[in-house]
Amino acid sequence: MNIFKLMQAMRPYIQSGEMTYDLAVKYLKERGVQFDGLIKQGLDNMFKKGKARDPDFGDTLVKMQIDEQ
């Protein structure tokens, strides 16, 4: 089976809290998936709790020389 389809099928269980990280690793290894860099990064991203991009720029505003012209 395609690894991306496996991970897509796991997503609802991960989001609902029914599947832990260790259980997900075990599930993938049982399916014969080689657990290396790209697969690990994808699984780590599925278990992130925060937003993917939430930069904190602060309240400072710096006028650049190009803005003045």
C-alpha atoms as a PDB file:
ATOM      1  CA  MET A   1       0.000   0.000   0.000  1.00  0.00           C
ATOM      2  CA  ASN A   2       1.105   3.546  -0.669  1.00  0.00           C
ATOM      3  CA  ILE A   3       2.744   5.173   2.377  1.00  0.00           C
ATOM      4  CA  PHE A   4       0.845   8.431   1.852  1.00  0.00           C
ATOM      5  CA  LYS A   5      -2.482   6.594   1.868  1.00  0.00           C
ATOM      6  CA  LEU A   6      -1.472   4.833   5.101  1.00  0.00           C
ATOM      7  CA  MET A   7      -0.604   8.139   6.740  1.00  0.00           C
ATOM      8  CA  GLN A   8      -3.781   9.744   5.439  1.00  0.00           C
ATOM      9  CA  ALA A   9      -5.808   6.886   6.925  1.00  0.00           C
ATOM     10  CA  MET A  10      -4.088   7.377  10.308  1.00  0.00           C
ATOM     11  CA  ARG A  11      -4.774  11.132  10.477  1.00  0.00           C
ATOM     12  CA  PRO A  12      -8.343  10.976  11.916  1.00  0.00           C
ATOM     13  CA  TYR A  13      -7.207   8.618  14.680  1.00  0.00           C
ATOM     14  CA  ILE A  14      -4.258  10.859  15.526  1.00  0.00           C
ATOM     15  CA  GLN A  15      -6.390  14.003  15.611  1.00  0.00           C
ATOM     16  CA  SER A  16      -8.989  12.370  17.854  1.00  0.00           C
ATOM     17  CA  GLY A  17      -6.287  11.092  20.219  1.00  0.00           C
ATOM     18  CA  GLU A  18      -7.018   7.413  19.612  1.00  0.00           C
ATOM     19  CA  MET A  19      -3.529   6.753  18.206  1.00  0.00           C
ATOM     20  CA  THR A  20      -0.312   7.615  20.015  1.00  0.00           C
ATOM     21  CA  TYR A  21       3.050   8.254  18.370  1.00  0.00           C
ATOM     22  CA  ASP A  22       4.399   4.868  19.450  1.00  0.00           C
ATOM     23  CA  LEU A  23       1.318   3.074  18.154  1.00  0.00           C
ATOM     24  CA  ALA A  24       1.631   4.902  14.818  1.00  0.00           C
ATOM     25  CA  VAL A  25       5.285   3.829  14.493  1.00  0.00           C
ATOM     26  CA  LYS A  26       4.337   0.244  15.314  1.00  0.00           C
ATOM     27  CA  TYR A  27       1.487   0.345  12.778  1.00  0.00           C
ATOM     28  CA  LEU A  28       3.776   1.582  10.006  1.00  0.00           C
ATOM     29  CA  LYS A  29       6.475  -0.977  10.787  1.00  0.00           C
ATOM     30  CA  GLU A  30       3.894  -3.786  10.757  1.00  0.00           C
ATOM     31  CA  ARG A  31       2.898  -2.672   7.264  1.00  0.00           C
ATOM     32  CA  GLY A  32       6.525  -2.966   6.131  1.00  0.00           C
ATOM     33  CA  VAL A  33       7.275   0.749   5.942  1.00  0.00           C
ATOM     34  CA  GLN A  34      10.936   1.672   6.359  1.00  0.00           C
ATOM     35  CA  PHE A  35      10.846   4.295   9.113  1.00  0.00           C
ATOM     36  CA  ASP A  36      13.496   6.801   8.021  1.00  0.00           C
ATOM     37  CA  GLY A  37      13.929  10.575   7.708  1.00  0.00           C
ATOM     38  CA  LEU A  38      11.062  11.579   5.432  1.00  0.00           C
ATOM     39  CA  ILE A  39       8.528   9.239   7.010  1.00  0.00           C
ATOM     40  CA  LYS A  40       9.579  10.299  10.528  1.00  0.00           C
ATOM     41  CA  GLN A  41       9.232  13.991   9.604  1.00  0.00           C
ATOM     42  CA  GLY A  42       5.764  13.392   8.173  1.00  0.00           C
ATOM     43  CA  LEU A  43       4.686  11.542  11.291  1.00  0.00           C
ATOM     44  CA  ASP A  44       6.158  14.271  13.530  1.00  0.00           C
ATOM     45  CA  ASN A  45       4.166  16.857  11.577  1.00  0.00           C
ATOM     46  CA  MET A  46       0.959  14.875  12.062  1.00  0.00           C
ATOM     47  CA  PHE A  47       1.467  14.931  15.839  1.00  0.00           C
ATOM     48  CA  LYS A  48       2.209  18.682  16.093  1.00  0.00           C
ATOM     49  CA  LYS A  49      -0.267  20.565  18.238  1.00  0.00           C
ATOM     50  CA  GLY A  50       0.507  24.147  17.181  1.00  0.00           C
ATOM     51  CA  LYS A  51      -0.099  25.905  13.913  1.00  0.00           C
ATOM     52  CA  ALA A  52       2.380  25.269  11.154  1.00  0.00           C
ATOM     53  CA  ARG A  53       3.206  28.958  10.692  1.00  0.00           C
ATOM     54  CA  ASP A  54       2.611  31.338  13.538  1.00  0.00           C
ATOM     55  CA  PRO A  55       5.441  33.867  13.503  1.00  0.00           C
ATOM     56  CA  ASP A  56       5.625  36.477  16.251  1.00  0.00           C
ATOM     57  CA  PHE A  57       6.821  39.696  14.657  1.00  0.00           C
ATOM     58  CA  GLY A  58       6.114  41.944  17.625  1.00  0.00           C
ATOM     59  CA  ASP A  59       4.844  45.512  17.530  1.00  0.00           C
ATOM     60  CA  THR A  60       7.974  47.176  16.197  1.00  0.00           C
ATOM     61  CA  LEU A  61       7.991  48.898  12.853  1.00  0.00           C
ATOM     62  CA  VAL A  62      11.251  49.773  11.198  1.00  0.00           C
ATOM     63  CA  LYS A  63      11.108  52.232   8.320  1.00  0.00           C
ATOM     64  CA  MET A  64      13.517  51.321   5.605  1.00  0.00           C
ATOM     65  CA  GLN A  65      15.200  53.867   3.381  1.00  0.00           C
ATOM     66  CA  ILE A  66      13.267  52.599   0.378  1.00  0.00           C
ATOM     67  CA  ASP A  67       9.978  53.374   2.192  1.00  0.00           C
ATOM     68  CA  GLU A  68      10.909  57.037   2.458  1.00  0.00           C
ATOM     69  CA  GLN A  69      11.212  57.567  -1.305  1.00  0.00           C
END
